[in-house]
Amino acid sequence: MDLLNSPKHFRALGRQLKEARESQGHNLAILAGQCNLSVVQLTAIERGDTLAFARSQSSLLVALQAYARVLGVSLDGIEQNLDDEIQIPEFLKKKDRP
């Protein structure tokens, strides 16, 4: 999962999981218990902050999978849509020169 190596993608994933949680009306404290994670860890995922999982990448991946599973969200579907969210400003785009 390349999301763990790209802070921008991880933040986008966190935003999408937060939107899914809010649209379903879930409470963070209740979800934390269902995911076997802390509220701090779920909040860190939603913010795209990997420091709460600094000890090992595998625990971050396990936490992401647990959170997505409890929300009924497919990580694969989210990963495919992340590139659509990356916007490059016009002034940074390569221009064709005559």
PDB file of N, CA and C in Angstrom:
ATOM      1  N   MET A   1       0.854  -1.183   0.000  1.00  0.00           N
ATOM      2  CA  MET A   1       0.000   0.000   0.000  1.00  0.00           C
ATOM      3  C   MET A   1       0.888   1.230   0.000  1.00  0.00           C
ATOM      4  N   ASP A   2       0.907   1.954  -1.111  1.00  0.00           N
ATOM      5  CA  ASP A   2       1.743   3.133  -1.259  1.00  0.00           C
ATOM      6  C   ASP A   2       1.265   4.298  -0.406  1.00  0.00           C
ATOM      7  N   LEU A   3       0.052   4.235   0.086  1.00  0.00           N
ATOM      8  CA  LEU A   3      -0.485   5.334   0.888  1.00  0.00           C
ATOM      9  C   LEU A   3       0.362   5.616   2.104  1.00  0.00           C
ATOM     10  N   LEU A   4       0.995   4.596   2.639  1.00  0.00           N
ATOM     11  CA  LEU A   4       1.781   4.773   3.841  1.00  0.00           C
ATOM     12  C   LEU A   4       3.091   5.490   3.549  1.00  0.00           C
ATOM     13  N   ASN A   5       3.518   5.500   2.305  1.00  0.00           N
ATOM     14  CA  ASN A   5       4.758   6.154   1.932  1.00  0.00           C
ATOM     15  C   ASN A   5       4.536   7.569   1.425  1.00  0.00           C
ATOM     16  N   SER A   6       3.310   7.970   1.243  1.00  0.00           N
ATOM     17  CA  SER A   6       3.000   9.281   0.705  1.00  0.00           C
ATOM     18  C   SER A   6       2.105  10.043   1.685  1.00  0.00           C
ATOM     19  N   PRO A   7       2.665  11.049   2.349  1.00  0.00           N
ATOM     20  CA  PRO A   7       1.853  11.819   3.306  1.00  0.00           C
ATOM     21  C   PRO A   7       0.609  12.436   2.670  1.00  0.00           C
ATOM     22  N   LYS A   8       0.731  12.893   1.436  1.00  0.00           N
ATOM     23  CA  LYS A   8      -0.413  13.524   0.767  1.00  0.00           C
ATOM     24  C   LYS A   8      -1.545  12.517   0.570  1.00  0.00           C
ATOM     25  N   HIS A   9      -1.208  11.321   0.132  1.00  0.00           N
ATOM     26  CA  HIS A   9      -2.222  10.292  -0.059  1.00  0.00           C
ATOM     27  C   HIS A   9      -2.813   9.835   1.267  1.00  0.00           C
ATOM     28  N   PHE A  10      -1.962   9.734   2.279  1.00  0.00           N
ATOM     29  CA  PHE A  10      -2.459   9.310   3.589  1.00  0.00           C
ATOM     30  C   PHE A  10      -3.430  10.348   4.151  1.00  0.00           C
ATOM     31  N   ARG A  11      -3.125  11.645   3.982  1.00  0.00           N
ATOM     32  CA  ARG A  11      -4.048  12.686   4.440  1.00  0.00           C
ATOM     33  C   ARG A  11      -5.361  12.620   3.683  1.00  0.00           C
ATOM     34  N   ALA A  12      -5.294  12.372   2.371  1.00  0.00           N
ATOM     35  CA  ALA A  12      -6.517  12.270   1.571  1.00  0.00           C
ATOM     36  C   ALA A  12      -7.347  11.067   2.015  1.00  0.00           C
ATOM     37  N   LEU A  13      -6.690   9.971   2.316  1.00  0.00           N
ATOM     38  CA  LEU A  13      -7.391   8.787   2.809  1.00  0.00           C
ATOM     39  C   LEU A  13      -8.063   9.105   4.142  1.00  0.00           C
ATOM     40  N   GLY A  14      -7.352   9.773   5.024  1.00  0.00           N
ATOM     41  CA  GLY A  14      -7.916  10.158   6.313  1.00  0.00           C
ATOM     42  C   GLY A  14      -9.145  11.035   6.172  1.00  0.00           C
ATOM     43  N   ARG A  15      -9.077  11.992   5.251  1.00  0.00           N
ATOM     44  CA  ARG A  15     -10.240  12.864   5.007  1.00  0.00           C
ATOM     45  C   ARG A  15     -11.431  12.050   4.525  1.00  0.00           C
ATOM     46  N   GLN A  16     -11.178  11.107   3.637  1.00  0.00           N
ATOM     47  CA  GLN A  16     -12.279  10.301   3.105  1.00  0.00           C
ATOM     48  C   GLN A  16     -12.882   9.397   4.180  1.00  0.00           C
ATOM     49  N   LEU A  17     -12.039   8.851   5.044  1.00  0.00           N
ATOM     50  CA  LEU A  17     -12.568   8.032   6.138  1.00  0.00           C
ATOM     51  C   LEU A  17     -13.373   8.893   7.105  1.00  0.00           C
ATOM     52  N   LYS A  18     -12.903  10.098   7.375  1.00  0.00           N
ATOM     53  CA  LYS A  18     -13.642  11.005   8.257  1.00  0.00           C
ATOM     54  C   LYS A  18     -14.998  11.361   7.652  1.00  0.00           C
ATOM     55  N   GLU A  19     -14.994  11.663   6.346  1.00  0.00           N
ATOM     56  CA  GLU A  19     -16.256  11.978   5.669  1.00  0.00           C
ATOM     57  C   GLU A  19     -17.217  10.795   5.733  1.00  0.00           C
ATOM     58  N   ALA A  20     -16.688   9.585   5.550  1.00  0.00           N
ATOM     59  CA  ALA A  20     -17.536   8.386   5.633  1.00  0.00           C
ATOM     60  C   ALA A  20     -18.112   8.241   7.038  1.00  0.00           C
ATOM     61  N   ARG A  21     -17.272   8.458   8.058  1.00  0.00           N
ATOM     62  CA  ARG A  21     -17.739   8.353   9.445  1.00  0.00           C
ATOM     63  C   ARG A  21     -18.820   9.383   9.733  1.00  0.00           C
ATOM     64  N   GLU A  22     -18.577  10.626   9.337  1.00  0.00           N
ATOM     65  CA  GLU A  22     -19.541  11.681   9.611  1.00  0.00           C
ATOM     66  C   GLU A  22     -20.842  11.476   8.846  1.00  0.00           C
ATOM     67  N   SER A  23     -20.741  11.026   7.594  1.00  0.00           N
ATOM     68  CA  SER A  23     -21.966  10.813   6.804  1.00  0.00           C
ATOM     69  C   SER A  23     -22.804   9.671   7.365  1.00  0.00           C
ATOM     70  N   GLN A  24     -22.152   8.720   8.035  1.00  0.00           N
ATOM     71  CA  GLN A  24     -22.871   7.602   8.646  1.00  0.00           C
ATOM     72  C   GLN A  24     -23.319   7.930  10.070  1.00  0.00           C
ATOM     73  N   GLY A  25     -22.881   9.084  10.597  1.00  0.00           N
ATOM     74  CA  GLY A  25     -23.298   9.521  11.920  1.00  0.00           C
ATOM     75  C   GLY A  25     -22.642   8.776  13.077  1.00  0.00           C
ATOM     76  N   HIS A  26     -21.454   8.245  12.853  1.00  0.00           N
ATOM     77  CA  HIS A  26     -20.765   7.487  13.898  1.00  0.00           C
ATOM     78  C   HIS A  26     -20.051   8.400  14.883  1.00  0.00           C
ATOM     79  N   ASN A  27     -19.942   7.928  16.116  1.00  0.00           N
ATOM     80  CA  ASN A  27     -19.225   8.589  17.187  1.00  0.00           C
ATOM     81  C   ASN A  27     -17.818   7.996  17.263  1.00  0.00           C
ATOM     82  N   LEU A  28     -16.794   8.859  17.395  1.00  0.00           N
ATOM     83  CA  LEU A  28     -15.415   8.372  17.445  1.00  0.00           C
ATOM     84  C   LEU A  28     -15.171   7.396  18.595  1.00  0.00           C
ATOM     85  N   ALA A  29     -15.714   7.669  19.758  1.00  0.00           N
ATOM     86  CA  ALA A  29     -15.474   6.808  20.921  1.00  0.00           C
ATOM     87  C   ALA A  29     -16.032   5.401  20.700  1.00  0.00           C
ATOM     88  N   ILE A  30     -17.204   5.326  20.123  1.00  0.00           N
ATOM     89  CA  ILE A  30     -17.816   4.018  19.858  1.00  0.00           C
ATOM     90  C   ILE A  30     -17.031   3.275  18.781  1.00  0.00           C
ATOM     91  N   LEU A  31     -16.659   3.984  17.709  1.00  0.00           N
ATOM     92  CA  LEU A  31     -15.874   3.356  16.643  1.00  0.00           C
ATOM     93  C   LEU A  31     -14.523   2.870  17.150  1.00  0.00           C
ATOM     94  N   ALA A  32     -13.909   3.645  18.016  1.00  0.00           N
ATOM     95  CA  ALA A  32     -12.606   3.250  18.560  1.00  0.00           C
ATOM     96  C   ALA A  32     -12.712   1.888  19.241  1.00  0.00           C
ATOM     97  N   GLY A  33     -13.763   1.695  20.018  1.00  0.00           N
ATOM     98  CA  GLY A  33     -13.969   0.402  20.667  1.00  0.00           C
ATOM     99  C   GLY A  33     -14.186  -0.713  19.663  1.00  0.00           C
ATOM    100  N   GLN A  34     -14.925  -0.441  18.600  1.00  0.00           N
ATOM    101  CA  GLN A  34     -15.194  -1.462  17.585  1.00  0.00           C
ATOM    102  C   GLN A  34     -13.934  -1.812  16.790  1.00  0.00           C
ATOM    103  N   CYS A  35     -13.039  -0.838  16.635  1.00  0.00           N
ATOM    104  CA  CYS A  35     -11.799  -1.055  15.872  1.00  0.00           C
ATOM    105  C   CYS A  35     -10.662  -1.564  16.749  1.00  0.00           C
ATOM    106  N   ASN A  36     -10.893  -1.574  18.068  1.00  0.00           N
ATOM    107  CA  ASN A  36      -9.841  -1.907  19.021  1.00  0.00           C
ATOM    108  C   ASN A  36      -8.671  -0.923  18.921  1.00  0.00           C
ATOM    109  N   LEU A  37      -9.007   0.344  18.738  1.00  0.00           N
ATOM    110  CA  LEU A  37      -8.033   1.434  18.666  1.00  0.00           C
ATOM    111  C   LEU A  37      -8.464   2.513  19.644  1.00  0.00           C
ATOM    112  N   SER A  38      -7.596   3.476  19.858  1.00  0.00           N
ATOM    113  CA  SER A  38      -7.958   4.595  20.722  1.00  0.00           C
ATOM    114  C   SER A  38      -8.566   5.722  19.884  1.00  0.00           C
ATOM    115  N   VAL A  39      -9.271   6.617  20.564  1.00  0.00           N
ATOM    116  CA  VAL A  39      -9.814   7.796  19.880  1.00  0.00           C
ATOM    117  C   VAL A  39      -8.670   8.615  19.302  1.00  0.00           C
ATOM    118  N   VAL A  40      -7.558   8.683  20.018  1.00  0.00           N
ATOM    119  CA  VAL A  40      -6.380   9.429  19.537  1.00  0.00           C
ATOM    120  C   VAL A  40      -5.884   8.832  18.211  1.00  0.00           C
ATOM    121  N   GLN A  41      -5.855   7.511  18.122  1.00  0.00           N
ATOM    122  CA  GLN A  41      -5.399   6.874  16.883  1.00  0.00           C
ATOM    123  C   GLN A  41      -6.368   7.128  15.730  1.00  0.00           C
ATOM    124  N   LEU A  42      -7.674   7.036  15.985  1.00  0.00           N
ATOM    125  CA  LEU A  42      -8.638   7.311  14.915  1.00  0.00           C
ATOM    126  C   LEU A  42      -8.546   8.764  14.467  1.00  0.00           C
ATOM    127  N   THR A  43      -8.397   9.665  15.405  1.00  0.00           N
ATOM    128  CA  THR A  43      -8.262  11.081  15.061  1.00  0.00           C
ATOM    129  C   THR A  43      -6.987  11.305  14.246  1.00  0.00           C
ATOM    130  N   ALA A  44      -5.915  10.613  14.625  1.00  0.00           N
ATOM    131  CA  ALA A  44      -4.659  10.734  13.880  1.00  0.00           C
ATOM    132  C   ALA A  44      -4.829  10.238  12.449  1.00  0.00           C
ATOM    133  N   ILE A  45      -5.545   9.141  12.272  1.00  0.00           N
ATOM    134  CA  ILE A  45      -5.806   8.627  10.920  1.00  0.00           C
ATOM    135  C   ILE A  45      -6.575   9.673  10.113  1.00  0.00           C
ATOM    136  N   GLU A  46      -7.614  10.231  10.707  1.00  0.00           N
ATOM    137  CA  GLU A  46      -8.435  11.214   9.995  1.00  0.00           C
ATOM    138  C   GLU A  46      -7.646  12.478   9.643  1.00  0.00           C
ATOM    139  N   ARG A  47      -6.669  12.833  10.456  1.00  0.00           N
ATOM    140  CA  ARG A  47      -5.835  14.006  10.180  1.00  0.00           C
ATOM    141  C   ARG A  47      -4.682  13.687   9.244  1.00  0.00           C
ATOM    142  N   GLY A  48      -4.428  12.408   9.018  1.00  0.00           N
ATOM    143  CA  GLY A  48      -3.292  12.012   8.195  1.00  0.00           C
ATOM    144  C   GLY A  48      -1.986  12.093   8.949  1.00  0.00           C
ATOM    145  N   ASP A  49      -2.044  11.932  10.262  1.00  0.00           N
ATOM    146  CA  ASP A  49      -0.878  12.037  11.130  1.00  0.00           C
ATOM    147  C   ASP A  49      -0.378  10.638  11.471  1.00  0.00           C
ATOM    148  N   THR A  50       0.776  10.287  10.965  1.00  0.00           N
ATOM    149  CA  THR A  50       1.317   8.945  11.182  1.00  0.00           C
ATOM    150  C   THR A  50       2.090   8.829  12.496  1.00  0.00           C
ATOM    151  N   LEU A  51       2.321   9.929  13.199  1.00  0.00           N
ATOM    152  CA  LEU A  51       3.120   9.886  14.419  1.00  0.00           C
ATOM    153  C   LEU A  51       2.505   9.009  15.506  1.00  0.00           C
ATOM    154  N   ALA A  52       1.204   8.896  15.532  1.00  0.00           N
ATOM    155  CA  ALA A  52       0.561   8.034  16.527  1.00  0.00           C
ATOM    156  C   ALA A  52       0.911   6.564  16.289  1.00  0.00           C
ATOM    157  N   PHE A  53       1.441   6.272  15.118  1.00  0.00           N
ATOM    158  CA  PHE A  53       1.797   4.901  14.743  1.00  0.00           C
ATOM    159  C   PHE A  53       3.283   4.799  14.420  1.00  0.00           C
ATOM    160  N   ALA A  54       4.094   5.662  15.024  1.00  0.00           N
ATOM    161  CA  ALA A  54       5.509   5.773  14.669  1.00  0.00           C
ATOM    162  C   ALA A  54       6.318   4.505  14.925  1.00  0.00           C
ATOM    163  N   ARG A  55       5.849   3.665  15.785  1.00  0.00           N
ATOM    164  CA  ARG A  55       6.627   2.467  16.123  1.00  0.00           C
ATOM    165  C   ARG A  55       6.709   1.462  14.982  1.00  0.00           C
ATOM    166  N   SER A  56       5.641   1.314  14.194  1.00  0.00           N
ATOM    167  CA  SER A  56       5.709   0.355  13.085  1.00  0.00           C
ATOM    168  C   SER A  56       4.671   0.677  12.019  1.00  0.00           C
ATOM    169  N   GLN A  57       5.090   0.547  10.772  1.00  0.00           N
ATOM    170  CA  GLN A  57       4.186   0.762   9.653  1.00  0.00           C
ATOM    171  C   GLN A  57       3.073  -0.279   9.637  1.00  0.00           C
ATOM    172  N   SER A  58       3.376  -1.488  10.073  1.00  0.00           N
ATOM    173  CA  SER A  58       2.351  -2.532  10.020  1.00  0.00           C
ATOM    174  C   SER A  58       1.179  -2.215  10.936  1.00  0.00           C
ATOM    175  N   SER A  59       1.431  -1.609  12.090  1.00  0.00           N
ATOM    176  CA  SER A  59       0.313  -1.285  12.967  1.00  0.00           C
ATOM    177  C   SER A  59      -0.556  -0.193  12.348  1.00  0.00           C
ATOM    178  N   LEU A  60       0.049   0.712  11.585  1.00  0.00           N
ATOM    179  CA  LEU A  60      -0.729   1.734  10.878  1.00  0.00           C
ATOM    180  C   LEU A  60      -1.610   1.077   9.824  1.00  0.00           C
ATOM    181  N   LEU A  61      -1.055   0.153   9.083  1.00  0.00           N
ATOM    182  CA  LEU A  61      -1.828  -0.547   8.056  1.00  0.00           C
ATOM    183  C   LEU A  61      -2.971  -1.338   8.682  1.00  0.00           C
ATOM    184  N   VAL A  62      -2.696  -2.020   9.790  1.00  0.00           N
ATOM    185  CA  VAL A  62      -3.736  -2.785  10.480  1.00  0.00           C
ATOM    186  C   VAL A  62      -4.836  -1.851  10.970  1.00  0.00           C
ATOM    187  N   ALA A  63      -4.445  -0.695  11.521  1.00  0.00           N
ATOM    188  CA  ALA A  63      -5.421   0.274  12.014  1.00  0.00           C
ATOM    189  C   ALA A  63      -6.281   0.815  10.866  1.00  0.00           C
ATOM    190  N   LEU A  64      -5.660   1.146   9.740  1.00  0.00           N
ATOM    191  CA  LEU A  64      -6.414   1.625   8.579  1.00  0.00           C
ATOM    192  C   LEU A  64      -7.423   0.585   8.113  1.00  0.00           C
ATOM    193  N   GLN A  65      -6.980  -0.654   8.030  1.00  0.00           N
ATOM    194  CA  GLN A  65      -7.867  -1.718   7.571  1.00  0.00           C
ATOM    195  C   GLN A  65      -9.019  -1.929   8.546  1.00  0.00           C
ATOM    196  N   ALA A  66      -8.727  -1.880   9.833  1.00  0.00           N
ATOM    197  CA  ALA A  66      -9.783  -2.065  10.839  1.00  0.00           C
ATOM    198  C   ALA A  66     -10.797  -0.929  10.764  1.00  0.00           C
ATOM    199  N   TYR A  67     -10.312   0.286  10.659  1.00  0.00           N
ATOM    200  CA  TYR A  67     -11.198   1.461  10.607  1.00  0.00           C
ATOM    201  C   TYR A  67     -12.079   1.405   9.366  1.00  0.00           C
ATOM    202  N   ALA A  68     -11.469   1.126   8.226  1.00  0.00           N
ATOM    203  CA  ALA A  68     -12.238   1.045   6.982  1.00  0.00           C
ATOM    204  C   ALA A  68     -13.257  -0.087   7.040  1.00  0.00           C
ATOM    205  N   ARG A  69     -12.866  -1.222   7.611  1.00  0.00           N
ATOM    206  CA  ARG A  69     -13.775  -2.374   7.700  1.00  0.00           C
ATOM    207  C   ARG A  69     -14.992  -2.041   8.563  1.00  0.00           C
ATOM    208  N   VAL A  70     -14.771  -1.402   9.710  1.00  0.00           N
ATOM    209  CA  VAL A  70     -15.885  -1.046  10.593  1.00  0.00           C
ATOM    210  C   VAL A  70     -16.811  -0.041   9.914  1.00  0.00           C
ATOM    211  N   LEU A  71     -16.233   0.872   9.126  1.00  0.00           N
ATOM    212  CA  LEU A  71     -17.056   1.846   8.404  1.00  0.00           C
ATOM    213  C   LEU A  71     -17.725   1.247   7.164  1.00  0.00           C
ATOM    214  N   GLY A  72     -17.277   0.047   6.758  1.00  0.00           N
ATOM    215  CA  GLY A  72     -17.818  -0.568   5.547  1.00  0.00           C
ATOM    216  C   GLY A  72     -17.295   0.098   4.285  1.00  0.00           C
ATOM    217  N   VAL A  73     -16.055   0.598   4.364  1.00  0.00           N
ATOM    218  CA  VAL A  73     -15.430   1.307   3.242  1.00  0.00           C
ATOM    219  C   VAL A  73     -14.293   0.450   2.704  1.00  0.00           C
ATOM    220  N   SER A  74     -14.176   0.376   1.391  1.00  0.00           N
ATOM    221  CA  SER A  74     -13.094  -0.372   0.764  1.00  0.00           C
ATOM    222  C   SER A  74     -11.889   0.535   0.566  1.00  0.00           C
ATOM    223  N   LEU A  75     -10.736   0.141   1.109  1.00  0.00           N
ATOM    224  CA  LEU A  75      -9.520   0.926   0.903  1.00  0.00           C
ATOM    225  C   LEU A  75      -9.116   0.936  -0.564  1.00  0.00           C
ATOM    226  N   ASP A  76      -9.387  -0.167  -1.273  1.00  0.00           N
ATOM    227  CA  ASP A  76      -9.042  -0.220  -2.690  1.00  0.00           C
ATOM    228  C   ASP A  76      -9.798   0.845  -3.479  1.00  0.00           C
ATOM    229  N   GLY A  77     -11.068   1.010  -3.188  1.00  0.00           N
ATOM    230  CA  GLY A  77     -11.862   2.031  -3.873  1.00  0.00           C
ATOM    231  C   GLY A  77     -11.375   3.427  -3.575  1.00  0.00           C
ATOM    232  N   ILE A  78     -10.955   3.664  -2.347  1.00  0.00           N
ATOM    233  CA  ILE A  78     -10.442   4.977  -1.974  1.00  0.00           C
ATOM    234  C   ILE A  78      -9.123   5.239  -2.681  1.00  0.00           C
ATOM    235  N   GLU A  79      -8.232   4.246  -2.700  1.00  0.00           N
ATOM    236  CA  GLU A  79      -6.925   4.414  -3.330  1.00  0.00           C
ATOM    237  C   GLU A  79      -7.068   4.807  -4.793  1.00  0.00           C
ATOM    238  N   GLN A  80      -8.025   4.221  -5.496  1.00  0.00           N
ATOM    239  CA  GLN A  80      -8.192   4.514  -6.911  1.00  0.00           C
ATOM    240  C   GLN A  80      -8.634   5.954  -7.141  1.00  0.00           C
ATOM    241  N   ASN A  81      -9.350   6.547  -6.188  1.00  0.00           N
ATOM    242  CA  ASN A  81      -9.858   7.907  -6.351  1.00  0.00           C
ATOM    243  C   ASN A  81      -8.920   8.982  -5.827  1.00  0.00           C
ATOM    244  N   LEU A  82      -7.839   8.616  -5.166  1.00  0.00           N
ATOM    245  CA  LEU A  82      -6.977   9.614  -4.553  1.00  0.00           C
ATOM    246  C   LEU A  82      -6.261  10.482  -5.580  1.00  0.00           C
ATOM    247  N   ASP A  83      -5.831   9.906  -6.676  1.00  0.00           N
ATOM    248  CA  ASP A  83      -5.122  10.691  -7.674  1.00  0.00           C
ATOM    249  C   ASP A  83      -5.996  11.781  -8.273  1.00  0.00           C
ATOM    250  N   ASP A  84      -7.299  11.578  -8.273  1.00  0.00           N
ATOM    251  CA  ASP A  84      -8.207  12.597  -8.781  1.00  0.00           C
ATOM    252  C   ASP A  84      -8.217  13.838  -7.908  1.00  0.00           C
ATOM    253  N   GLU A  85      -7.867  13.690  -6.620  1.00  0.00           N
ATOM    254  CA  GLU A  85      -7.905  14.806  -5.690  1.00  0.00           C
ATOM    255  C   GLU A  85      -6.669  15.693  -5.780  1.00  0.00           C
ATOM    256  N   ILE A  86      -5.598  15.204  -6.386  1.00  0.00           N
ATOM    257  CA  ILE A  86      -4.367  15.973  -6.458  1.00  0.00           C
ATOM    258  C   ILE A  86      -4.491  16.961  -7.613  1.00  0.00           C
ATOM    259  N   GLN A  87      -4.493  18.223  -7.264  1.00  0.00           N
ATOM    260  CA  GLN A  87      -4.631  19.275  -8.261  1.00  0.00           C
ATOM    261  C   GLN A  87      -3.299  19.992  -8.430  1.00  0.00           C
ATOM    262  N   ILE A  88      -2.852  20.141  -9.667  1.00  0.00           N
ATOM    263  CA  ILE A  88      -1.624  20.870  -9.950  1.00  0.00           C
ATOM    264  C   ILE A  88      -2.011  22.246 -10.469  1.00  0.00           C
ATOM    265  N   PRO A  89      -1.549  23.306  -9.792  1.00  0.00           N
ATOM    266  CA  PRO A  89      -1.880  24.655 -10.248  1.00  0.00           C
ATOM    267  C   PRO A  89      -1.348  24.891 -11.663  1.00  0.00           C
ATOM    268  N   GLU A  90      -2.058  25.696 -12.422  1.00  0.00           N
ATOM    269  CA  GLU A  90      -1.685  25.961 -13.816  1.00  0.00           C
ATOM    270  C   GLU A  90      -0.251  26.456 -13.949  1.00  0.00           C
ATOM    271  N   PHE A  91       0.175  27.336 -13.029  1.00  0.00           N
ATOM    272  CA  PHE A  91       1.506  27.913 -13.165  1.00  0.00           C
ATOM    273  C   PHE A  91       2.617  26.890 -12.938  1.00  0.00           C
ATOM    274  N   LEU A  92       2.288  25.737 -12.368  1.00  0.00           N
ATOM    275  CA  LEU A  92       3.284  24.690 -12.170  1.00  0.00           C
ATOM    276  C   LEU A  92       3.290  23.652 -13.285  1.00  0.00           C
ATOM    277  N   LYS A  93       2.283  23.675 -14.115  1.00  0.00           N
ATOM    278  CA  LYS A  93       2.200  22.695 -15.201  1.00  0.00           C
ATOM    279  C   LYS A  93       3.207  23.049 -16.292  1.00  0.00           C
ATOM    280  N   LYS A  94       3.760  22.005 -16.875  1.00  0.00           N
ATOM    281  CA  LYS A  94       4.736  22.192 -17.949  1.00  0.00           C
ATOM    282  C   LYS A  94       4.029  22.758 -19.168  1.00  0.00           C
ATOM    283  N   LYS A  95       4.594  23.794 -19.719  1.00  0.00           N
ATOM    284  CA  LYS A  95       4.006  24.432 -20.885  1.00  0.00           C
ATOM    285  C   LYS A  95       4.784  24.030 -22.139  1.00  0.00           C
ATOM    286  N   ASP A  96       4.036  23.828 -23.221  1.00  0.00           N
ATOM    287  CA  ASP A  96       4.672  23.529 -24.502  1.00  0.00           C
ATOM    288  C   ASP A  96       5.311  24.792 -25.040  1.00  0.00           C
ATOM    289  N   ARG A  97       6.536  24.684 -25.455  1.00  0.00           N
ATOM    290  CA  ARG A  97       7.234  25.858 -26.005  1.00  0.00           C
ATOM    291  C   ARG A  97       7.317  25.709 -27.521  1.00  0.00           C
ATOM    292  N   PRO A  98       7.092  26.821 -28.226  1.00  0.00           N
ATOM    293  CA  PRO A  98       7.133  26.747 -29.701  1.00  0.00           C
ATOM    294  C   PRO A  98       8.522  26.547 -30.238  1.00  0.00           C
TER     295      PRO A  98
END
